[in-house]
PDB file of N, CA and C in Angstrom:
ATOM      1  N   MET A   1      -4.633  -4.926 -32.207  1.00  0.00           N
ATOM      2  CA  MET A   1      -4.777  -3.562 -31.733  1.00  0.00           C
ATOM      3  C   MET A   1      -6.128  -3.005 -32.186  1.00  0.00           C
ATOM      4  N   LYS A   2      -6.684  -2.138 -31.360  1.00  0.00           N
ATOM      5  CA  LYS A   2      -7.992  -1.558 -31.659  1.00  0.00           C
ATOM      6  C   LYS A   2      -7.897  -0.600 -32.840  1.00  0.00           C
ATOM      7  N   LEU A   3      -8.889  -0.672 -33.749  1.00  0.00           N
ATOM      8  CA  LEU A   3      -8.913   0.210 -34.916  1.00  0.00           C
ATOM      9  C   LEU A   3      -9.463   1.580 -34.532  1.00  0.00           C
ATOM     10  N   LYS A   4      -8.920   2.606 -35.162  1.00  0.00           N
ATOM     11  CA  LYS A   4      -9.400   3.963 -34.906  1.00  0.00           C
ATOM     12  C   LYS A   4     -10.373   4.396 -35.992  1.00  0.00           C
ATOM     13  N   THR A   5     -11.401   5.127 -35.603  1.00  0.00           N
ATOM     14  CA  THR A   5     -12.366   5.696 -36.534  1.00  0.00           C
ATOM     15  C   THR A   5     -11.788   6.969 -37.124  1.00  0.00           C
ATOM     16  N   VAL A   6     -11.923   7.135 -38.437  1.00  0.00           N
ATOM     17  CA  VAL A   6     -11.524   8.392 -39.084  1.00  0.00           C
ATOM     18  C   VAL A   6     -12.670   9.372 -38.872  1.00  0.00           C
ATOM     19  N   LYS A   7     -12.463  10.340 -37.983  1.00  0.00           N
ATOM     20  CA  LYS A   7     -13.540  11.223 -37.552  1.00  0.00           C
ATOM     21  C   LYS A   7     -14.067  12.104 -38.675  1.00  0.00           C
ATOM     22  N   ALA A   8     -13.214  12.507 -39.602  1.00  0.00           N
ATOM     23  CA  ALA A   8     -13.664  13.346 -40.720  1.00  0.00           C
ATOM     24  C   ALA A   8     -14.686  12.603 -41.573  1.00  0.00           C
ATOM     25  N   ILE A   9     -14.486  11.299 -41.731  1.00  0.00           N
ATOM     26  CA  ILE A   9     -15.428  10.488 -42.513  1.00  0.00           C
ATOM     27  C   ILE A   9     -16.675  10.194 -41.692  1.00  0.00           C
ATOM     28  N   ALA A  10     -16.512   9.939 -40.406  1.00  0.00           N
ATOM     29  CA  ALA A  10     -17.653   9.622 -39.544  1.00  0.00           C
ATOM     30  C   ALA A  10     -18.641  10.780 -39.459  1.00  0.00           C
ATOM     31  N   LYS A  11     -18.140  12.018 -39.567  1.00  0.00           N
ATOM     32  CA  LYS A  11     -19.014  13.180 -39.511  1.00  0.00           C
ATOM     33  C   LYS A  11     -19.806  13.378 -40.802  1.00  0.00           C
ATOM     34  N   ARG A  12     -19.289  12.891 -41.920  1.00  0.00           N
ATOM     35  CA  ARG A  12     -19.899  13.163 -43.219  1.00  0.00           C
ATOM     36  C   ARG A  12     -20.780  12.038 -43.750  1.00  0.00           C
ATOM     37  N   PHE A  13     -20.560  10.819 -43.280  1.00  0.00           N
ATOM     38  CA  PHE A  13     -21.279   9.673 -43.816  1.00  0.00           C
ATOM     39  C   PHE A  13     -21.978   8.920 -42.698  1.00  0.00           C
ATOM     40  N   LYS A  14     -23.045   8.221 -43.082  1.00  0.00           N
ATOM     41  CA  LYS A  14     -23.794   7.414 -42.132  1.00  0.00           C
ATOM     42  C   LYS A  14     -23.969   6.026 -42.729  1.00  0.00           C
ATOM     43  N   ILE A  15     -23.835   5.003 -41.911  1.00  0.00           N
ATOM     44  CA  ILE A  15     -24.065   3.638 -42.363  1.00  0.00           C
ATOM     45  C   ILE A  15     -25.434   3.215 -41.837  1.00  0.00           C
ATOM     46  N   THR A  16     -26.308   2.804 -42.764  1.00  0.00           N
ATOM     47  CA  THR A  16     -27.674   2.453 -42.399  1.00  0.00           C
ATOM     48  C   THR A  16     -27.727   1.057 -41.788  1.00  0.00           C
ATOM     49  N   LYS A  17     -28.898   0.670 -41.363  1.00  0.00           N
ATOM     50  CA  LYS A  17     -29.086  -0.646 -40.760  1.00  0.00           C
ATOM     51  C   LYS A  17     -28.774  -1.766 -41.749  1.00  0.00           C
ATOM     52  N   THR A  18     -29.062  -1.529 -43.029  1.00  0.00           N
ATOM     53  CA  THR A  18     -28.781  -2.540 -44.059  1.00  0.00           C
ATOM     54  C   THR A  18     -27.383  -2.381 -44.644  1.00  0.00           C
ATOM     55  N   LYS A  19     -26.505  -1.654 -43.930  1.00  0.00           N
ATOM     56  CA  LYS A  19     -25.082  -1.478 -44.284  1.00  0.00           C
ATOM     57  C   LYS A  19     -24.853  -0.684 -45.573  1.00  0.00           C
ATOM     58  N   LYS A  20     -25.821   0.177 -45.928  1.00  0.00           N
ATOM     59  CA  LYS A  20     -25.598   1.098 -47.035  1.00  0.00           C
ATOM     60  C   LYS A  20     -24.971   2.376 -46.497  1.00  0.00           C
ATOM     61  N   VAL A  21     -24.148   3.033 -47.328  1.00  0.00           N
ATOM     62  CA  VAL A  21     -23.506   4.287 -46.926  1.00  0.00           C
ATOM     63  C   VAL A  21     -24.258   5.429 -47.590  1.00  0.00           C
ATOM     64  N   VAL A  22     -24.687   6.408 -46.784  1.00  0.00           N
ATOM     65  CA  VAL A  22     -25.401   7.572 -47.319  1.00  0.00           C
ATOM     66  C   VAL A  22     -24.695   8.846 -46.871  1.00  0.00           C
ATOM     67  N   ARG A  23     -24.908   9.905 -47.639  1.00  0.00           N
ATOM     68  CA  ARG A  23     -24.330  11.209 -47.324  1.00  0.00           C
ATOM     69  C   ARG A  23     -25.378  12.270 -47.597  1.00  0.00           C
ATOM     70  N   ARG A  24     -25.171  13.454 -47.053  1.00  0.00           N
ATOM     71  CA  ARG A  24     -26.068  14.563 -47.329  1.00  0.00           C
ATOM     72  C   ARG A  24     -25.699  15.189 -48.662  1.00  0.00           C
ATOM     73  N   ALA A  25     -26.672  15.783 -49.316  1.00  0.00           N
ATOM     74  CA  ALA A  25     -26.410  16.480 -50.569  1.00  0.00           C
ATOM     75  C   ALA A  25     -25.563  17.715 -50.305  1.00  0.00           C
ATOM     76  N   ALA A  26     -24.689  18.039 -51.229  1.00  0.00           N
ATOM     77  CA  ALA A  26     -23.750  19.148 -51.036  1.00  0.00           C
ATOM     78  C   ALA A  26     -24.410  20.491 -51.340  1.00  0.00           C
ATOM     79  N   GLY A  27     -23.836  21.552 -50.769  1.00  0.00           N
ATOM     80  CA  GLY A  27     -24.217  22.916 -51.111  1.00  0.00           C
ATOM     81  C   GLY A  27     -25.543  23.370 -50.571  1.00  0.00           C
ATOM     82  N   GLN A  28     -25.866  23.054 -49.327  1.00  0.00           N
ATOM     83  CA  GLN A  28     -27.149  23.476 -48.785  1.00  0.00           C
ATOM     84  C   GLN A  28     -27.022  24.450 -47.618  1.00  0.00           C
ATOM     85  N   ASP A  29     -25.843  25.003 -47.412  1.00  0.00           N
ATOM     86  CA  ASP A  29     -25.653  25.923 -46.290  1.00  0.00           C
ATOM     87  C   ASP A  29     -26.215  27.317 -46.555  1.00  0.00           C
ATOM     88  N   HIS A  30     -25.834  27.920 -47.678  1.00  0.00           N
ATOM     89  CA  HIS A  30     -26.304  29.276 -47.964  1.00  0.00           C
ATOM     90  C   HIS A  30     -26.342  29.495 -49.468  1.00  0.00           C
ATOM     91  N   PHE A  31     -26.838  30.655 -49.891  1.00  0.00           N
ATOM     92  CA  PHE A  31     -27.060  31.012 -51.297  1.00  0.00           C
ATOM     93  C   PHE A  31     -28.075  30.079 -51.965  1.00  0.00           C
ATOM     94  N   ASN A  32     -29.100  29.692 -51.240  1.00  0.00           N
ATOM     95  CA  ASN A  32     -30.093  28.782 -51.801  1.00  0.00           C
ATOM     96  C   ASN A  32     -31.313  29.511 -52.362  1.00  0.00           C
ATOM     97  N   ALA A  33     -31.438  30.799 -52.109  1.00  0.00           N
ATOM     98  CA  ALA A  33     -32.623  31.537 -52.556  1.00  0.00           C
ATOM     99  C   ALA A  33     -32.670  31.659 -54.073  1.00  0.00           C
ATOM    100  N   ALA A  34     -31.526  31.682 -54.713  1.00  0.00           N
ATOM    101  CA  ALA A  34     -31.478  31.861 -56.161  1.00  0.00           C
ATOM    102  C   ALA A  34     -31.726  30.566 -56.930  1.00  0.00           C
ATOM    103  N   GLU A  35     -31.748  29.450 -56.233  1.00  0.00           N
ATOM    104  CA  GLU A  35     -31.875  28.165 -56.926  1.00  0.00           C
ATOM    105  C   GLU A  35     -33.329  27.808 -57.175  1.00  0.00           C
ATOM    106  N   ARG A  36     -33.516  26.942 -58.161  1.00  0.00           N
ATOM    107  CA  ARG A  36     -34.850  26.464 -58.489  1.00  0.00           C
ATOM    108  C   ARG A  36     -35.380  25.598 -57.343  1.00  0.00           C
ATOM    109  N   SER A  37     -36.697  25.518 -57.244  1.00  0.00           N
ATOM    110  CA  SER A  37     -37.326  24.726 -56.188  1.00  0.00           C
ATOM    111  C   SER A  37     -36.959  23.261 -56.302  1.00  0.00           C
ATOM    112  N   LYS A  38     -36.817  22.791 -57.525  1.00  0.00           N
ATOM    113  CA  LYS A  38     -36.475  21.392 -57.765  1.00  0.00           C
ATOM    114  C   LYS A  38     -35.110  21.047 -57.147  1.00  0.00           C
ATOM    115  N   VAL A  39     -34.159  21.965 -57.278  1.00  0.00           N
ATOM    116  CA  VAL A  39     -32.820  21.754 -56.722  1.00  0.00           C
ATOM    117  C   VAL A  39     -32.870  21.777 -55.200  1.00  0.00           C
ATOM    118  N   THR A  40     -33.631  22.710 -54.647  1.00  0.00           N
ATOM    119  CA  THR A  40     -33.748  22.829 -53.199  1.00  0.00           C
ATOM    120  C   THR A  40     -34.343  21.563 -52.591  1.00  0.00           C
ATOM    121  N   ARG A  41     -35.380  21.022 -53.217  1.00  0.00           N
ATOM    122  CA  ARG A  41     -35.993  19.789 -52.713  1.00  0.00           C
ATOM    123  C   ARG A  41     -35.036  18.612 -52.834  1.00  0.00           C
ATOM    124  N   ALA A  42     -34.253  18.576 -53.898  1.00  0.00           N
ATOM    125  CA  ALA A  42     -33.304  17.480 -54.090  1.00  0.00           C
ATOM    126  C   ALA A  42     -32.205  17.492 -53.030  1.00  0.00           C
ATOM    127  N   LYS A  43     -31.853  18.675 -52.548  1.00  0.00           N
ATOM    128  CA  LYS A  43     -30.805  18.789 -51.532  1.00  0.00           C
ATOM    129  C   LYS A  43     -31.248  18.294 -50.161  1.00  0.00           C
ATOM    130  N   ARG A  44     -32.534  18.161 -49.949  1.00  0.00           N
ATOM    131  CA  ARG A  44     -33.024  17.688 -48.655  1.00  0.00           C
ATOM    132  C   ARG A  44     -32.823  16.184 -48.480  1.00  0.00           C
ATOM    133  N   LYS A  45     -32.654  15.477 -49.575  1.00  0.00           N
ATOM    134  CA  LYS A  45     -32.574  14.019 -49.520  1.00  0.00           C
ATOM    135  C   LYS A  45     -31.134  13.553 -49.366  1.00  0.00           C
ATOM    136  N   ASP A  46     -30.993  12.376 -48.781  1.00  0.00           N
ATOM    137  CA  ASP A  46     -29.672  11.768 -48.675  1.00  0.00           C
ATOM    138  C   ASP A  46     -29.281  11.183 -50.020  1.00  0.00           C
ATOM    139  N   ALA A  47     -28.005  11.292 -50.343  1.00  0.00           N
ATOM    140  CA  ALA A  47     -27.496  10.759 -51.600  1.00  0.00           C
ATOM    141  C   ALA A  47     -26.739   9.472 -51.317  1.00  0.00           C
ATOM    142  N   GLY A  48     -26.691   8.617 -52.309  1.00  0.00           N
ATOM    143  CA  GLY A  48     -25.976   7.354 -52.163  1.00  0.00           C
ATOM    144  C   GLY A  48     -24.502   7.503 -52.490  1.00  0.00           C
ATOM    145  N   ILE A  49     -23.778   6.432 -52.331  1.00  0.00           N
ATOM    146  CA  ILE A  49     -22.347   6.387 -52.610  1.00  0.00           C
ATOM    147  C   ILE A  49     -22.106   5.231 -53.562  1.00  0.00           C
ATOM    148  N   ILE A  50     -21.179   5.409 -54.524  1.00  0.00           N
ATOM    149  CA  ILE A  50     -20.871   4.301 -55.412  1.00  0.00           C
ATOM    150  C   ILE A  50     -20.158   3.204 -54.617  1.00  0.00           C
ATOM    151  N   PRO A  51     -20.386   1.934 -54.958  1.00  0.00           N
ATOM    152  CA  PRO A  51     -19.876   0.820 -54.140  1.00  0.00           C
ATOM    153  C   PRO A  51     -18.370   0.823 -53.918  1.00  0.00           C
ATOM    154  N   ALA A  52     -17.594   1.275 -54.893  1.00  0.00           N
ATOM    155  CA  ALA A  52     -16.137   1.287 -54.732  1.00  0.00           C
ATOM    156  C   ALA A  52     -15.721   2.213 -53.596  1.00  0.00           C
ATOM    157  N   ASN A  53     -16.369   3.358 -53.469  1.00  0.00           N
ATOM    158  CA  ASN A  53     -16.067   4.281 -52.380  1.00  0.00           C
ATOM    159  C   ASN A  53     -16.657   3.804 -51.062  1.00  0.00           C
ATOM    160  N   ALA A  54     -17.786   3.111 -51.117  1.00  0.00           N
ATOM    161  CA  ALA A  54     -18.455   2.647 -49.902  1.00  0.00           C
ATOM    162  C   ALA A  54     -17.573   1.670 -49.129  1.00  0.00           C
ATOM    163  N   ARG A  55     -16.835   0.846 -49.832  1.00  0.00           N
ATOM    164  CA  ARG A  55     -15.953  -0.116 -49.158  1.00  0.00           C
ATOM    165  C   ARG A  55     -14.900   0.587 -48.313  1.00  0.00           C
ATOM    166  N   SER A  56     -14.273   1.626 -48.879  1.00  0.00           N
ATOM    167  CA  SER A  56     -13.234   2.324 -48.133  1.00  0.00           C
ATOM    168  C   SER A  56     -13.826   3.144 -46.980  1.00  0.00           C
ATOM    169  N   ILE A  57     -15.043   3.649 -47.145  1.00  0.00           N
ATOM    170  CA  ILE A  57     -15.698   4.397 -46.071  1.00  0.00           C
ATOM    171  C   ILE A  57     -16.044   3.464 -44.916  1.00  0.00           C
ATOM    172  N   LYS A  58     -16.509   2.256 -45.229  1.00  0.00           N
ATOM    173  CA  LYS A  58     -16.830   1.291 -44.175  1.00  0.00           C
ATOM    174  C   LYS A  58     -15.591   0.870 -43.391  1.00  0.00           C
ATOM    175  N   LYS A  59     -14.453   0.792 -44.048  1.00  0.00           N
ATOM    176  CA  LYS A  59     -13.204   0.461 -43.352  1.00  0.00           C
ATOM    177  C   LYS A  59     -12.778   1.584 -42.417  1.00  0.00           C
ATOM    178  N   ALA A  60     -13.083   2.829 -42.796  1.00  0.00           N
ATOM    179  CA  ALA A  60     -12.681   3.986 -41.995  1.00  0.00           C
ATOM    180  C   ALA A  60     -13.602   4.171 -40.777  1.00  0.00           C
ATOM    181  N   ILE A  61     -14.815   3.581 -40.834  1.00  0.00           N
ATOM    182  CA  ILE A  61     -15.737   3.648 -39.697  1.00  0.00           C
ATOM    183  C   ILE A  61     -15.970   2.205 -39.225  1.00  0.00           C
ATOM    184  N   PRO A  62     -15.030   1.616 -38.490  1.00  0.00           N
ATOM    185  CA  PRO A  62     -15.091   0.180 -38.223  1.00  0.00           C
ATOM    186  C   PRO A  62     -16.186  -0.270 -37.255  1.00  0.00           C
ATOM    187  N   TYR A  63     -16.621   0.583 -36.347  1.00  0.00           N
ATOM    188  CA  TYR A  63     -17.543   0.116 -35.299  1.00  0.00           C
ATOM    189  C   TYR A  63     -18.964   0.600 -35.487  1.00  0.00           C
ATOM    190  N   LYS A  64     -19.378   0.862 -36.705  1.00  0.00           N
ATOM    191  CA  LYS A  64     -20.745   1.313 -36.973  1.00  0.00           C
ATOM    192  C   LYS A  64     -21.518   0.219 -37.639  1.00  0.00           C
TER     193      LYS A  64
END
């Protein structure tokens, strides 16, 4: 039977060409004016995932 993609996970994570799982940094929607510049710049970058969680995320997004 065909596997279904977990859409909640597919919206939050991306699998790169080299099969790494990346996510966006949290807390960048609003209330950013009060934060230090260093924090704001750090939020622009993609964050990695620990390997134990990456395995389960890859199973939830089977066709990527």
